[in-house]
Amino acid sequence: MKKLLLGTILLALAIIVPIPTMAGVDISIGISLPPPIVFEAPPDVIVLPDTNYVYVVPDIYYAEMFFWNGWWWRPWEGRWYRSQYYNRGWAYYNNVPSFYFDVDPGWRGYYRDQSWHGHQWNYERIHNRRLQQNWKSWHNNRYWERQGTWGVHRYQPRQQEQRQELKHQRQEQYQQRPEVQRHQQWIQEQQRKPQVQKHQVQPQKQKQKQQPKQQHSQPRGQQHQGESQHQKSQGKPDMR
């Protein structure tokens, strides 16, 4: 009986409580998911210097996959997807994650040469289990700055002004990508559709409002005519 009562309550809440995504335009409808990336084992990651603790999967050469703030992230065809699992559960993310413009576009070459902007880069490969257990404490304690300065020999962090300038340049370069522009154009088209439908519905509503006025005007005219005739008949003297 308790299970039945609980199920009834949950069903009632699902009917009564509104779903926020139903209000407005849900542009995620019709967006396909990225193709799966097959892993034989959980992937290792490395942490990228000069970032807000952004981890990247270095062994994928045909796609990018990041770990940041407890989520796995991957771009595909100008769109972004995230999941709490590295191999499933991807969902469309309607924005560019804030960490991405801190990522140096040349990180693959630096990883291959083990050199970060001319300095020896002794990066550390991190197993997935260790990442999941420690990523939050590493972030809070600023672990990678204190332990070996990101693994970069004679590491010197960039000034804040320089980091902001680089971030702005990367953002402009990202917006110029053809696949990103195609996706932005698609979003704009989806946002225009409800407005077009709204303009088409408004004239029909105006016509419906005008019809009752025309129907009421005719009986009123007939009523005035009847009253005037009655008044005239009363005004004539009786000649008999």
Protein backbone atom coordinates (compact mmCIF):
# COMPACT_ATOMS: atom_id res chain seq x y z
CA MET A 1 0.00 0.00 0.00
CA LYS A 2 2.86 2.39 0.79
CA LYS A 3 4.39 1.87 -2.66
CA LEU A 4 1.03 2.45 -4.31
CA LEU A 5 0.47 5.66 -2.32
CA LEU A 6 3.97 6.92 -3.14
CA GLY A 7 3.46 6.22 -6.85
CA THR A 8 0.15 8.12 -6.80
CA ILE A 9 1.79 11.14 -5.15
CA LEU A 10 4.65 11.19 -7.66
CA LEU A 11 2.21 10.96 -10.56
CA ALA A 12 0.18 13.87 -9.17
CA LEU A 13 3.32 15.99 -8.79
CA ALA A 14 4.39 15.23 -12.35
CA ILE A 15 1.02 16.49 -13.60
CA ILE A 16 0.80 19.58 -11.38
CA VAL A 17 4.39 20.82 -11.34
CA PRO A 18 5.23 22.60 -14.61
CA ILE A 19 8.34 21.70 -16.57
CA PRO A 20 10.54 24.79 -17.15
CA THR A 21 11.75 23.67 -20.57
CA MET A 22 8.23 23.70 -21.92
CA ALA A 23 8.11 27.50 -21.66
CA GLY A 24 9.86 29.10 -24.61
CA VAL A 25 11.70 27.56 -27.51
CA ASP A 26 13.51 24.28 -26.91
CA ILE A 27 16.16 24.43 -29.60
CA SER A 28 17.61 21.10 -28.47
CA ILE A 29 14.77 19.38 -30.35
CA GLY A 30 16.07 18.06 -33.64
CA ILE A 31 19.75 18.26 -32.65
CA SER A 32 21.55 14.97 -33.18
CA LEU A 33 23.99 13.53 -30.68
CA PRO A 34 27.69 13.16 -31.50
CA PRO A 35 29.00 9.77 -32.61
CA PRO A 36 30.23 7.63 -29.72
CA ILE A 37 33.92 7.37 -28.91
CA VAL A 38 34.87 3.79 -28.10
CA PHE A 39 37.33 3.27 -25.25
CA GLU A 40 38.88 -0.04 -24.36
CA ALA A 41 39.50 1.30 -20.86
CA PRO A 42 38.74 4.53 -18.98
CA PRO A 43 40.86 7.25 -20.60
CA ASP A 44 43.79 8.96 -18.93
CA VAL A 45 43.84 12.76 -18.85
CA ILE A 46 46.39 15.51 -18.40
CA VAL A 47 45.84 18.93 -16.89
CA LEU A 48 46.49 21.94 -19.14
CA PRO A 49 48.62 24.75 -17.72
CA ASP A 50 47.23 28.30 -17.54
CA THR A 51 43.65 27.04 -17.23
CA ASN A 52 41.06 26.82 -14.49
CA TYR A 53 41.88 23.14 -14.01
CA VAL A 54 40.89 21.89 -17.42
CA TYR A 55 41.78 18.26 -18.13
CA VAL A 56 42.02 16.87 -21.64
CA VAL A 57 42.08 13.36 -23.10
CA PRO A 58 45.33 13.37 -25.10
CA ASP A 59 45.01 9.99 -26.83
CA ILE A 60 42.07 10.99 -29.08
CA TYR A 61 43.34 12.49 -32.34
CA TYR A 62 40.11 12.91 -34.31
CA ALA A 63 38.09 14.68 -31.59
CA GLU A 64 38.48 16.75 -28.47
CA MET A 65 37.27 15.68 -25.04
CA PHE A 66 37.71 17.62 -21.84
CA PHE A 67 36.96 17.15 -18.16
CA TRP A 68 36.08 20.25 -16.18
CA ASN A 69 34.05 21.01 -13.09
CA GLY A 70 32.85 17.42 -12.71
CA TRP A 71 31.62 17.03 -16.31
CA TRP A 72 32.98 15.54 -19.51
CA TRP A 73 32.77 17.94 -22.46
CA ARG A 74 33.16 17.55 -26.22
CA PRO A 75 32.53 19.80 -29.22
CA TRP A 76 31.04 18.45 -32.42
CA GLU A 77 29.88 20.26 -35.59
CA GLY A 78 29.88 23.66 -33.92
CA ARG A 79 27.87 22.45 -30.92
CA TRP A 80 28.81 21.41 -27.40
CA TYR A 81 27.77 18.36 -25.43
CA ARG A 82 28.42 17.27 -21.86
CA SER A 83 27.97 14.17 -19.74
CA GLN A 84 28.88 12.84 -16.35
CA TYR A 85 30.31 9.76 -18.12
CA TYR A 86 33.13 9.66 -20.65
CA ASN A 87 31.45 7.07 -22.89
CA ARG A 88 27.69 7.70 -22.75
CA GLY A 89 24.91 10.03 -21.63
CA TRP A 90 25.83 12.97 -23.87
CA ALA A 91 23.36 15.87 -23.92
CA TYR A 92 23.33 19.08 -25.95
CA TYR A 93 24.70 22.13 -24.09
CA ASN A 94 23.29 25.38 -25.43
CA ASN A 95 26.44 27.46 -25.00
CA VAL A 96 30.21 27.40 -25.20
CA PRO A 97 31.61 26.31 -21.81
CA SER A 98 33.51 29.12 -20.14
CA PHE A 99 36.72 27.13 -19.77
CA TYR A 100 37.22 26.57 -23.49
CA PHE A 101 38.72 29.96 -24.33
CA ASP A 102 41.44 29.39 -21.73
CA VAL A 103 42.58 26.29 -23.65
CA ASP A 104 45.62 26.89 -25.84
CA PRO A 105 44.77 25.69 -29.39
CA GLY A 106 48.31 24.33 -29.78
CA TRP A 107 48.15 22.00 -26.80
CA ARG A 108 48.46 18.87 -28.96
CA GLY A 109 51.81 19.99 -30.35
CA TYR A 110 53.06 20.92 -26.89
CA TYR A 111 51.96 17.51 -25.61
CA ARG A 112 53.75 15.73 -28.46
CA ASP A 113 56.99 17.70 -27.94
CA GLN A 114 56.70 17.71 -24.13
CA SER A 115 57.34 21.44 -24.25
CA TRP A 116 55.02 24.18 -23.05
CA HIS A 117 55.91 27.39 -24.89
CA GLY A 118 59.58 26.55 -24.96
CA HIS A 119 59.76 25.10 -21.44
CA GLN A 120 60.09 21.42 -20.70
CA TRP A 121 56.68 20.02 -19.84
CA ASN A 122 56.73 16.98 -17.58
CA TYR A 123 53.01 16.40 -17.66
CA GLU A 124 51.45 13.69 -15.54
CA ARG A 125 48.98 11.20 -16.92
CA ILE A 126 46.06 10.87 -14.53
CA HIS A 127 43.93 7.74 -14.36
CA ASN A 128 40.17 8.18 -14.42
CA ARG A 129 39.65 6.78 -10.93
CA ARG A 130 42.21 9.14 -9.43
CA LEU A 131 40.65 12.04 -11.31
CA GLN A 132 37.16 11.32 -10.02
CA GLN A 133 38.41 10.99 -6.46
CA ASN A 134 40.53 14.15 -6.38
CA TRP A 135 39.47 16.72 -8.98
CA LYS A 136 37.42 18.78 -6.53
CA SER A 137 40.07 18.92 -3.79
CA TRP A 138 42.75 19.66 -6.40
CA HIS A 139 40.71 22.62 -7.58
CA ASN A 140 39.99 23.96 -4.11
CA ASN A 141 43.58 23.57 -2.91
CA ARG A 142 45.18 24.79 -6.17
CA TYR A 143 47.12 21.54 -6.27
CA TRP A 144 48.76 21.83 -9.68
CA GLU A 145 50.24 25.26 -9.09
CA ARG A 146 51.88 24.12 -5.87
CA GLN A 147 52.96 20.65 -6.97
CA GLY A 148 55.57 21.15 -9.68
CA THR A 149 53.97 24.28 -11.21
CA TRP A 150 51.82 22.35 -13.70
CA GLY A 151 54.85 20.18 -14.52
CA VAL A 152 56.41 22.98 -16.61
CA HIS A 153 60.11 23.64 -15.95
CA ARG A 154 60.76 27.27 -14.95
CA TYR A 155 57.09 27.97 -15.33
CA GLN A 156 56.09 31.62 -15.34
CA PRO A 157 52.35 32.30 -15.35
CA ARG A 158 51.01 34.86 -17.79
CA GLN A 159 49.83 38.21 -16.54
CA GLN A 160 46.10 38.73 -16.18
CA GLU A 161 45.97 41.27 -19.03
CA GLN A 162 47.77 38.90 -21.36
CA ARG A 163 45.43 36.04 -20.46
CA GLN A 164 42.37 38.19 -21.12
CA GLU A 165 43.77 39.28 -24.49
CA LEU A 166 44.49 35.69 -25.52
CA LYS A 167 41.03 34.65 -24.39
CA HIS A 168 39.43 37.36 -26.53
CA GLN A 169 41.48 36.33 -29.58
CA ARG A 170 40.50 32.68 -29.19
CA GLN A 171 36.86 33.64 -28.87
CA GLU A 172 36.98 35.58 -32.15
CA GLN A 173 38.76 32.70 -33.91
CA TYR A 174 36.15 30.26 -32.61
CA GLN A 175 33.28 32.37 -33.97
CA GLN A 176 34.90 32.32 -37.43
CA ARG A 177 34.76 28.53 -37.72
CA PRO A 178 32.36 27.47 -40.52
CA GLU A 179 30.66 24.79 -38.42
CA VAL A 180 30.09 27.28 -35.59
CA GLN A 181 28.59 29.85 -37.95
CA ARG A 182 26.27 27.23 -39.45
CA HIS A 183 25.03 26.28 -35.99
CA GLN A 184 24.49 29.92 -34.98
CA GLN A 185 22.49 30.49 -38.14
CA TRP A 186 20.36 27.43 -37.37
CA ILE A 187 19.65 28.74 -33.86
CA GLN A 188 18.53 32.10 -35.23
CA GLU A 189 16.16 30.37 -37.65
CA GLN A 190 14.64 28.32 -34.83
CA GLN A 191 14.13 31.43 -32.72
CA ARG A 192 12.33 33.23 -35.57
CA LYS A 193 9.76 30.47 -36.08
CA PRO A 194 7.53 31.23 -33.04
CA GLN A 195 7.47 34.94 -33.98
CA VAL A 196 6.26 34.15 -37.49
CA GLN A 197 3.52 31.89 -36.15
CA LYS A 198 2.49 34.59 -33.68
CA HIS A 199 2.08 37.20 -36.45
CA GLN A 200 -0.02 34.77 -38.45
CA VAL A 201 -2.39 34.07 -35.55
CA GLN A 202 -3.03 37.71 -34.57
CA PRO A 203 -5.16 38.73 -37.63
CA GLN A 204 -7.45 35.74 -37.04
CA LYS A 205 -8.05 36.87 -33.47
CA GLN A 206 -8.90 40.39 -34.64
CA LYS A 207 -11.49 39.04 -37.08
CA GLN A 208 -13.08 37.00 -34.34
CA LYS A 209 -13.35 40.09 -32.15
CA GLN A 210 -15.02 42.13 -34.93
CA GLN A 211 -17.71 39.56 -35.67
CA PRO A 212 -19.61 39.90 -32.37
CA LYS A 213 -19.79 43.70 -32.85
CA GLN A 214 -21.46 43.30 -36.24
CA GLN A 215 -23.95 40.81 -34.82
CA HIS A 216 -24.92 43.11 -31.93
CA SER A 217 -25.28 46.20 -34.13
CA GLN A 218 -28.08 44.74 -36.23
CA PRO A 219 -30.55 43.97 -33.39
CA ARG A 220 -29.90 47.40 -31.89
CA GLY A 221 -30.88 49.07 -35.19
CA GLN A 222 -34.04 47.05 -35.41
CA GLN A 223 -34.87 47.96 -31.84
CA HIS A 224 -34.52 51.69 -32.52
CA GLN A 225 -36.72 51.39 -35.58
CA GLY A 226 -39.42 49.61 -33.55
CA GLU A 227 -39.32 52.26 -30.87
CA SER A 228 -39.66 55.10 -33.39
CA GLN A 229 -42.67 53.48 -35.06
CA HIS A 230 -44.35 52.94 -31.69
CA GLN A 231 -43.78 56.57 -30.75
CA LYS A 232 -45.33 57.75 -34.06
CA SER A 233 -48.38 55.54 -33.59
CA GLN A 234 -48.92 56.99 -30.12
CA GLY A 235 -48.57 60.52 -31.38
CA LYS A 236 -51.45 60.25 -33.95
CA PRO A 237 -54.91 61.37 -32.60
CA ASP A 238 -57.82 59.03 -32.71
CA MET A 239 -60.12 60.41 -35.48
CA ARG A 240 -62.99 58.11 -34.67
